[in-house]
Structure formats: C-alpha cells, structure tokens
C-alpha cells in the first residue's frame, strides 16, 4: 500500500504541474485580451491532468484489493509494480500527446498501441486482483 500511495502522489504532482501550466497559460491569454483562447490553448493539457490525477485513486485501490488475495507479499508487490509501470507508461503517452496538442483519439498508431497496452495491463491487473479476492472470500464461506 505504501508503494502504491507514493507512486500515486508522484503522479499527483505531475497532475498539479499540468494544472498549474493550464492556469498560467490561460491567465496569459485572458490578460492579453483573448479570453476564448484561454480555454482552447490551456485545455490541451486536460488529458494529462486527468490521467495523472487519477493515479492517487487507482493505484492504492488496486493495492487494497490485492490485500484480499491469498498471495505472498512479494507477489502482491510485483503486481503493484506492474500497475505502476503501466500507469507511468500511460501517463507518459498522454503527456506527450497533450504537450504536442494531439487529441488522444487522433494519436499516432504507436501512441494508441502503447496506451492501449498500458490500459490493458491495468485492467488485467485489477481483474486478477478482484478474481483472487472473490476466490478467497468464496473459500472462506
């Protein structure tokens, strides 16, 4: 859990940085006399801000769910590390797309595959943790 919370906090710092950059560029545009441009130019970092911000929920949630699995501590920590790696890859891809002002839905095939694989790994990690927790619970009954 400690590892997941720490990784989530690091990602939250990335989200805070993206939010600060959005505010700074929006203020510059608004004070320059173009308030509409403040929303369009600053909004390019929204995907990075959103993805990075949710790590503080997803990674500790996965670690919590893994506590119910009937696995060794070492195995659970490896699964948390796998989720952290996948989340870091996803955040990096979305960060590159945001900085280059490319929509996540119009990204290059490499970026789409990388983020798809990262999301797949996160989903499989969560599904495996949930399956093991349910399996342990059903054995206890």
N, C-alpha and C. Protein backbone atom coordinates (compact mmCIF):
# COMPACT_ATOMS: atom_id res chain seq x y z
N UNK A 1 0.82 -1.19 0.00
CA UNK A 1 0.00 0.00 0.00
C UNK A 1 0.87 1.26 0.00
N UNK A 2 1.94 1.21 0.78
CA UNK A 2 2.84 2.37 0.85
C UNK A 2 3.42 2.70 -0.52
N UNK A 3 3.81 1.67 -1.26
CA UNK A 3 4.37 1.85 -2.59
C UNK A 3 3.34 2.47 -3.53
N UNK A 4 2.12 1.99 -3.48
CA UNK A 4 1.06 2.50 -4.35
C UNK A 4 0.72 3.95 -4.02
N UNK A 5 0.67 4.27 -2.74
CA UNK A 5 0.36 5.65 -2.35
C UNK A 5 1.48 6.59 -2.78
N UNK A 6 2.70 6.17 -2.61
CA UNK A 6 3.83 7.02 -3.03
C UNK A 6 3.84 7.25 -4.53
N UNK A 7 3.61 6.20 -5.31
CA UNK A 7 3.56 6.35 -6.76
C UNK A 7 2.38 7.23 -7.16
N UNK A 8 1.25 7.06 -6.48
CA UNK A 8 0.10 7.91 -6.75
C UNK A 8 0.37 9.36 -6.44
N UNK A 9 1.10 9.62 -5.37
CA UNK A 9 1.45 11.01 -5.03
C UNK A 9 2.41 11.63 -6.04
N UNK A 10 3.32 10.84 -6.56
CA UNK A 10 4.22 11.35 -7.61
C UNK A 10 3.40 11.72 -8.85
N UNK A 11 2.46 10.85 -9.21
CA UNK A 11 1.60 11.16 -10.36
C UNK A 11 0.73 12.38 -10.07
N UNK A 12 0.29 12.52 -8.82
CA UNK A 12 -0.50 13.69 -8.46
C UNK A 12 0.31 14.98 -8.62
N UNK A 13 1.60 14.91 -8.33
CA UNK A 13 2.46 16.08 -8.56
C UNK A 13 2.53 16.43 -10.05
N UNK A 14 2.55 15.41 -10.90
CA UNK A 14 2.50 15.66 -12.35
C UNK A 14 1.19 16.34 -12.71
N UNK A 15 0.09 15.86 -12.13
CA UNK A 15 -1.22 16.47 -12.39
C UNK A 15 -1.26 17.92 -11.91
N UNK A 16 -0.66 18.17 -10.75
CA UNK A 16 -0.62 19.55 -10.24
C UNK A 16 0.21 20.45 -11.15
N UNK A 17 1.31 19.91 -11.65
CA UNK A 17 2.12 20.69 -12.59
C UNK A 17 1.36 21.01 -13.87
N UNK A 18 0.63 20.01 -14.39
CA UNK A 18 -0.17 20.26 -15.59
C UNK A 18 -1.26 21.28 -15.31
N UNK A 19 -1.89 21.18 -14.14
CA UNK A 19 -2.92 22.16 -13.78
C UNK A 19 -2.35 23.56 -13.64
N UNK A 20 -1.18 23.66 -13.05
CA UNK A 20 -0.54 24.98 -12.92
C UNK A 20 -0.19 25.55 -14.29
N UNK A 21 0.29 24.70 -15.19
CA UNK A 21 0.61 25.16 -16.55
C UNK A 21 -0.66 25.61 -17.28
N UNK A 22 -1.77 24.89 -17.06
CA UNK A 22 -3.03 25.30 -17.70
C UNK A 22 -3.48 26.65 -17.17
N UNK A 23 -3.38 26.85 -15.87
CA UNK A 23 -3.78 28.12 -15.29
C UNK A 23 -2.89 29.25 -15.79
N UNK A 24 -1.58 29.01 -15.81
CA UNK A 24 -0.64 30.05 -16.25
C UNK A 24 -0.89 30.47 -17.70
N UNK A 25 -1.05 29.48 -18.59
CA UNK A 25 -1.26 29.85 -19.99
C UNK A 25 -2.63 30.48 -20.18
N UNK A 26 -3.62 30.05 -19.42
CA UNK A 26 -4.94 30.66 -19.52
C UNK A 26 -4.96 32.11 -19.04
N UNK A 27 -4.23 32.36 -17.96
CA UNK A 27 -4.17 33.74 -17.44
C UNK A 27 -3.45 34.65 -18.43
N UNK A 28 -2.39 34.16 -19.04
CA UNK A 28 -1.67 34.97 -20.03
C UNK A 28 -2.58 35.32 -21.19
N UNK A 29 -3.32 34.33 -21.69
CA UNK A 29 -4.24 34.59 -22.82
C UNK A 29 -5.37 35.52 -22.41
N UNK A 30 -5.93 35.31 -21.24
CA UNK A 30 -7.06 36.14 -20.80
C UNK A 30 -6.63 37.59 -20.59
N UNK A 31 -5.47 37.77 -19.99
CA UNK A 31 -4.98 39.14 -19.77
C UNK A 31 -4.51 39.78 -21.07
N UNK A 32 -4.20 38.98 -22.05
CA UNK A 32 -3.79 39.51 -23.35
C UNK A 32 -4.97 39.95 -24.19
N UNK A 33 -6.17 39.81 -23.66
CA UNK A 33 -7.34 40.29 -24.37
C UNK A 33 -8.07 39.22 -25.15
N UNK A 34 -7.68 37.97 -24.98
CA UNK A 34 -8.33 36.90 -25.72
C UNK A 34 -8.81 35.81 -24.76
N UNK A 35 -9.91 36.05 -24.06
CA UNK A 35 -10.36 35.07 -23.06
C UNK A 35 -10.78 33.73 -23.67
N UNK A 36 -11.28 33.74 -24.90
CA UNK A 36 -11.68 32.47 -25.53
C UNK A 36 -10.47 31.59 -25.79
N UNK A 37 -9.34 32.18 -26.16
CA UNK A 37 -8.12 31.41 -26.40
C UNK A 37 -7.60 30.79 -25.10
N UNK A 38 -7.96 31.38 -23.98
CA UNK A 38 -7.52 30.82 -22.70
C UNK A 38 -8.07 29.41 -22.53
N UNK A 39 -9.28 29.17 -22.99
CA UNK A 39 -9.88 27.85 -22.86
C UNK A 39 -9.34 26.87 -23.89
N UNK A 40 -9.08 27.35 -25.09
CA UNK A 40 -8.63 26.42 -26.13
C UNK A 40 -7.16 26.05 -25.98
N UNK A 41 -6.30 27.00 -25.64
CA UNK A 41 -4.88 26.68 -25.52
C UNK A 41 -4.57 25.98 -24.21
N UNK A 42 -5.18 26.42 -23.12
CA UNK A 42 -4.91 25.79 -21.83
C UNK A 42 -5.53 24.41 -21.76
N UNK A 43 -6.59 24.18 -22.50
CA UNK A 43 -7.29 22.91 -22.45
C UNK A 43 -6.54 21.75 -23.05
N UNK A 44 -5.45 22.00 -23.75
CA UNK A 44 -4.68 20.91 -24.36
C UNK A 44 -4.06 20.00 -23.32
N UNK A 45 -3.84 20.50 -22.11
CA UNK A 45 -3.23 19.68 -21.05
C UNK A 45 -4.25 18.94 -20.19
N UNK A 46 -5.54 19.08 -20.50
CA UNK A 46 -6.57 18.42 -19.70
C UNK A 46 -6.41 16.90 -19.64
N UNK A 47 -6.13 16.22 -20.76
CA UNK A 47 -5.97 14.76 -20.66
C UNK A 47 -4.84 14.34 -19.72
N UNK A 48 -3.71 15.02 -19.80
CA UNK A 48 -2.60 14.71 -18.89
C UNK A 48 -3.01 14.97 -17.45
N UNK A 49 -3.65 16.09 -17.22
CA UNK A 49 -4.10 16.44 -15.88
C UNK A 49 -5.03 15.37 -15.33
N UNK A 50 -5.97 14.92 -16.14
CA UNK A 50 -6.95 13.93 -15.69
C UNK A 50 -6.32 12.57 -15.43
N UNK A 51 -5.51 12.10 -16.36
CA UNK A 51 -4.91 10.77 -16.22
C UNK A 51 -3.98 10.73 -15.01
N UNK A 52 -3.14 11.73 -14.87
CA UNK A 52 -2.19 11.73 -13.76
C UNK A 52 -2.91 11.88 -12.42
N UNK A 53 -3.99 12.63 -12.39
CA UNK A 53 -4.68 12.85 -11.13
C UNK A 53 -5.34 11.57 -10.60
N UNK A 54 -5.78 10.70 -11.47
CA UNK A 54 -6.50 9.51 -11.02
C UNK A 54 -5.59 8.41 -10.50
N UNK A 55 -4.29 8.53 -10.66
CA UNK A 55 -3.38 7.52 -10.13
C UNK A 55 -3.47 7.42 -8.62
N UNK A 56 -3.76 8.54 -7.95
CA UNK A 56 -3.84 8.53 -6.49
C UNK A 56 -5.04 7.71 -6.01
N UNK A 57 -5.99 7.45 -6.89
CA UNK A 57 -7.13 6.60 -6.55
C UNK A 57 -6.92 5.16 -7.02
N UNK A 58 -6.43 5.02 -8.24
CA UNK A 58 -6.37 3.69 -8.86
C UNK A 58 -5.29 2.81 -8.23
N UNK A 59 -4.09 3.34 -8.06
CA UNK A 59 -3.00 2.50 -7.55
C UNK A 59 -3.23 2.05 -6.10
N UNK A 60 -3.59 2.94 -5.18
CA UNK A 60 -3.90 2.44 -3.82
C UNK A 60 -5.14 1.53 -3.79
N UNK A 61 -6.11 1.79 -4.66
CA UNK A 61 -7.27 0.92 -4.74
C UNK A 61 -6.89 -0.49 -5.14
N UNK A 62 -5.99 -0.59 -6.10
CA UNK A 62 -5.50 -1.90 -6.52
C UNK A 62 -4.73 -2.57 -5.39
N UNK A 63 -3.88 -1.82 -4.70
CA UNK A 63 -3.11 -2.38 -3.58
C UNK A 63 -4.05 -2.85 -2.48
N UNK A 64 -5.10 -2.11 -2.22
CA UNK A 64 -6.08 -2.52 -1.22
C UNK A 64 -6.76 -3.81 -1.63
N UNK A 65 -7.15 -3.89 -2.89
CA UNK A 65 -7.81 -5.10 -3.39
C UNK A 65 -6.88 -6.30 -3.33
N UNK A 66 -5.60 -6.07 -3.60
CA UNK A 66 -4.64 -7.17 -3.54
C UNK A 66 -4.43 -7.70 -2.12
N UNK A 67 -4.75 -6.91 -1.12
CA UNK A 67 -4.61 -7.38 0.27
C UNK A 67 -5.53 -8.56 0.55
N UNK A 68 -6.62 -8.67 -0.21
CA UNK A 68 -7.57 -9.76 0.00
C UNK A 68 -7.20 -11.02 -0.78
N UNK A 69 -6.21 -10.92 -1.67
CA UNK A 69 -5.77 -12.09 -2.43
C UNK A 69 -4.94 -12.99 -1.53
N UNK A 70 -5.03 -14.25 -1.77
CA UNK A 70 -4.30 -15.23 -0.98
C UNK A 70 -2.92 -15.46 -1.61
N UNK A 71 -2.16 -14.39 -1.75
CA UNK A 71 -0.84 -14.42 -2.36
C UNK A 71 0.20 -14.00 -1.34
N UNK A 72 1.46 -14.29 -1.68
CA UNK A 72 2.55 -13.83 -0.82
C UNK A 72 2.69 -12.31 -0.98
N UNK A 73 3.33 -11.71 0.01
CA UNK A 73 3.56 -10.27 -0.05
C UNK A 73 4.41 -9.91 -1.27
N UNK A 74 5.40 -10.73 -1.56
CA UNK A 74 6.28 -10.46 -2.69
C UNK A 74 5.51 -10.44 -4.00
N UNK A 75 4.60 -11.38 -4.17
CA UNK A 75 3.80 -11.43 -5.39
C UNK A 75 2.88 -10.22 -5.50
N UNK A 76 2.27 -9.82 -4.40
CA UNK A 76 1.40 -8.65 -4.42
C UNK A 76 2.18 -7.38 -4.77
N UNK A 77 3.39 -7.26 -4.23
CA UNK A 77 4.22 -6.08 -4.53
C UNK A 77 4.61 -6.07 -6.00
N UNK A 78 4.89 -7.24 -6.57
CA UNK A 78 5.20 -7.31 -8.01
C UNK A 78 4.02 -6.84 -8.84
N UNK A 79 2.82 -7.22 -8.45
CA UNK A 79 1.63 -6.79 -9.18
C UNK A 79 1.44 -5.27 -9.06
N UNK A 80 1.72 -4.73 -7.89
CA UNK A 80 1.63 -3.27 -7.72
C UNK A 80 2.67 -2.58 -8.60
N UNK A 81 3.89 -3.10 -8.64
CA UNK A 81 4.93 -2.53 -9.51
C UNK A 81 4.50 -2.59 -10.98
N UNK A 82 3.87 -3.69 -11.38
CA UNK A 82 3.39 -3.81 -12.76
C UNK A 82 2.36 -2.73 -13.06
N UNK A 83 1.44 -2.52 -12.13
CA UNK A 83 0.43 -1.48 -12.33
C UNK A 83 1.06 -0.09 -12.36
N UNK A 84 2.05 0.13 -11.53
CA UNK A 84 2.74 1.43 -11.52
C UNK A 84 3.44 1.65 -12.86
N UNK A 85 4.10 0.64 -13.37
CA UNK A 85 4.76 0.76 -14.68
C UNK A 85 3.78 1.04 -15.79
N UNK A 86 2.65 0.34 -15.79
CA UNK A 86 1.64 0.57 -16.82
C UNK A 86 1.05 1.97 -16.70
N UNK A 87 0.80 2.41 -15.48
CA UNK A 87 0.24 3.74 -15.29
C UNK A 87 1.25 4.82 -15.69
N UNK A 88 2.52 4.58 -15.40
CA UNK A 88 3.55 5.55 -15.81
C UNK A 88 3.64 5.63 -17.33
N UNK A 89 3.55 4.48 -18.00
CA UNK A 89 3.59 4.49 -19.47
C UNK A 89 2.39 5.23 -20.03
N UNK A 90 1.22 4.97 -19.47
CA UNK A 90 0.02 5.66 -19.93
C UNK A 90 0.13 7.16 -19.71
N UNK A 91 0.61 7.56 -18.55
CA UNK A 91 0.76 8.98 -18.25
C UNK A 91 1.78 9.63 -19.19
N UNK A 92 2.86 8.93 -19.48
CA UNK A 92 3.87 9.47 -20.40
C UNK A 92 3.30 9.67 -21.81
N UNK A 93 2.56 8.68 -22.30
CA UNK A 93 1.99 8.80 -23.65
C UNK A 93 0.98 9.94 -23.70
N UNK A 94 0.11 10.01 -22.71
CA UNK A 94 -0.88 11.09 -22.69
C UNK A 94 -0.18 12.44 -22.51
N UNK A 95 0.92 12.46 -21.75
CA UNK A 95 1.68 13.70 -21.60
C UNK A 95 2.28 14.18 -22.91
N UNK A 96 2.84 13.26 -23.67
CA UNK A 96 3.41 13.63 -24.98
C UNK A 96 2.30 14.13 -25.90
N UNK A 97 1.16 13.44 -25.90
CA UNK A 97 0.04 13.88 -26.73
C UNK A 97 -0.45 15.26 -26.31
N UNK A 98 -0.51 15.50 -25.02
CA UNK A 98 -1.01 16.79 -24.53
C UNK A 98 -0.06 17.93 -24.87
N UNK A 99 1.22 17.70 -24.67
CA UNK A 99 2.21 18.75 -24.94
C UNK A 99 2.26 19.08 -26.43
N UNK A 100 2.11 18.05 -27.28
CA UNK A 100 2.14 18.28 -28.72
C UNK A 100 0.75 18.64 -29.27
N UNK A 101 -0.24 18.77 -28.37
CA UNK A 101 -1.61 19.16 -28.72
C UNK A 101 -2.27 18.20 -29.70
N UNK A 102 -2.03 16.91 -29.47
CA UNK A 102 -2.67 15.87 -30.27
C UNK A 102 -3.77 15.25 -29.42
N UNK A 103 -4.95 15.14 -29.99
CA UNK A 103 -6.06 14.52 -29.27
C UNK A 103 -5.74 13.05 -29.03
N UNK A 104 -6.08 12.51 -27.85
CA UNK A 104 -5.85 11.08 -27.61
C UNK A 104 -6.58 10.19 -28.61
N UNK A 105 -7.64 10.69 -29.19
CA UNK A 105 -8.39 9.91 -30.18
C UNK A 105 -7.81 10.04 -31.59
N UNK A 106 -6.87 10.97 -31.79
CA UNK A 106 -6.26 11.16 -33.10
C UNK A 106 -4.76 10.95 -33.03
N UNK A 107 -4.30 10.15 -32.09
CA UNK A 107 -2.87 9.93 -31.89
C UNK A 107 -2.32 8.99 -32.96
N UNK A 108 -1.00 8.92 -32.99
CA UNK A 108 -0.35 8.03 -33.94
C UNK A 108 -0.60 6.58 -33.52
N UNK A 109 -0.42 5.63 -34.46
CA UNK A 109 -0.64 4.22 -34.10
C UNK A 109 0.25 3.74 -32.95
N UNK A 110 1.48 4.23 -32.89
CA UNK A 110 2.38 3.82 -31.81
C UNK A 110 1.83 4.29 -30.46
N UNK A 111 1.39 5.53 -30.41
CA UNK A 111 0.83 6.05 -29.16
C UNK A 111 -0.45 5.32 -28.79
N UNK A 112 -1.29 5.02 -29.77
CA UNK A 112 -2.54 4.31 -29.50
C UNK A 112 -2.27 2.91 -28.97
N UNK A 113 -1.32 2.22 -29.58
CA UNK A 113 -1.00 0.86 -29.14
C UNK A 113 -0.38 0.90 -27.74
N UNK A 114 0.52 1.83 -27.50
CA UNK A 114 1.17 1.92 -26.19
C UNK A 114 0.16 2.21 -25.10
N UNK A 115 -0.72 3.18 -25.32
CA UNK A 115 -1.71 3.47 -24.30
C UNK A 115 -2.73 2.34 -24.18
N UNK A 116 -3.04 1.67 -25.27
CA UNK A 116 -3.94 0.52 -25.20
C UNK A 116 -3.36 -0.63 -24.40
N UNK A 117 -2.08 -0.89 -24.62
CA UNK A 117 -1.41 -1.96 -23.85
C UNK A 117 -1.35 -1.58 -22.38
N UNK A 118 -1.02 -0.33 -22.08
CA UNK A 118 -0.96 0.10 -20.68
C UNK A 118 -2.33 -0.02 -20.01
N UNK A 119 -3.38 0.40 -20.71
CA UNK A 119 -4.73 0.26 -20.15
C UNK A 119 -5.10 -1.21 -19.99
N UNK A 120 -4.69 -2.03 -20.94
CA UNK A 120 -4.96 -3.46 -20.85
C UNK A 120 -4.28 -4.09 -19.64
N UNK A 121 -3.02 -3.73 -19.43
CA UNK A 121 -2.29 -4.26 -18.27
C UNK A 121 -2.95 -3.81 -16.97
N UNK A 122 -3.35 -2.55 -16.91
CA UNK A 122 -4.03 -2.06 -15.71
C UNK A 122 -5.35 -2.81 -15.49
N UNK A 123 -6.10 -3.00 -16.56
CA UNK A 123 -7.36 -3.72 -16.45
C UNK A 123 -7.17 -5.16 -16.03
N UNK A 124 -6.19 -5.83 -16.62
CA UNK A 124 -5.93 -7.22 -16.25
C UNK A 124 -5.43 -7.35 -14.82
N UNK A 125 -4.63 -6.40 -14.40
CA UNK A 125 -4.15 -6.42 -13.02
C UNK A 125 -5.31 -6.27 -12.05
N UNK A 126 -6.19 -5.32 -12.33
CA UNK A 126 -7.36 -5.14 -11.48
C UNK A 126 -8.29 -6.34 -11.50
N UNK A 127 -8.50 -6.91 -12.69
CA UNK A 127 -9.37 -8.09 -12.81
C UNK A 127 -8.79 -9.28 -12.05
N UNK A 128 -7.48 -9.48 -12.16
CA UNK A 128 -6.85 -10.60 -11.45
C UNK A 128 -6.94 -10.41 -9.94
N UNK A 129 -6.73 -9.18 -9.49
CA UNK A 129 -6.83 -8.90 -8.05
C UNK A 129 -8.26 -9.13 -7.56
N UNK A 130 -9.23 -8.68 -8.33
CA UNK A 130 -10.62 -8.88 -7.95
C UNK A 130 -10.98 -10.36 -7.95
N UNK A 131 -10.52 -11.08 -8.96
CA UNK A 131 -10.80 -12.52 -9.03
C UNK A 131 -10.23 -13.25 -7.82
N UNK A 132 -9.01 -12.92 -7.45
CA UNK A 132 -8.39 -13.58 -6.30
C UNK A 132 -9.08 -13.22 -4.99
N UNK A 133 -9.50 -11.98 -4.87
CA UNK A 133 -10.20 -11.56 -3.65
C UNK A 133 -11.54 -12.29 -3.54
N UNK A 134 -12.25 -12.39 -4.65
CA UNK A 134 -13.54 -13.10 -4.64
C UNK A 134 -13.32 -14.58 -4.38
N UNK A 135 -12.29 -15.15 -4.99
CA UNK A 135 -11.99 -16.57 -4.77
C UNK A 135 -11.68 -16.84 -3.31
N UNK A 136 -10.89 -15.97 -2.69
CA UNK A 136 -10.57 -16.16 -1.27
C UNK A 136 -11.82 -16.04 -0.41
N UNK A 137 -12.66 -15.09 -0.75
CA UNK A 137 -13.91 -14.88 0.01
C UNK A 137 -14.83 -16.09 -0.13
N UNK A 138 -14.94 -16.65 -1.33
CA UNK A 138 -15.82 -17.79 -1.52
C UNK A 138 -15.30 -19.04 -0.81
N UNK A 139 -13.99 -19.18 -0.70
CA UNK A 139 -13.41 -20.30 0.03
C UNK A 139 -13.65 -20.16 1.53
N UNK A 140 -13.69 -18.89 2.00
CA UNK A 140 -13.91 -18.66 3.43
C UNK A 140 -15.34 -18.98 3.84
N UNK A 141 -16.26 -18.89 2.88
CA UNK A 141 -17.67 -19.16 3.20
C UNK A 141 -17.87 -20.65 3.15
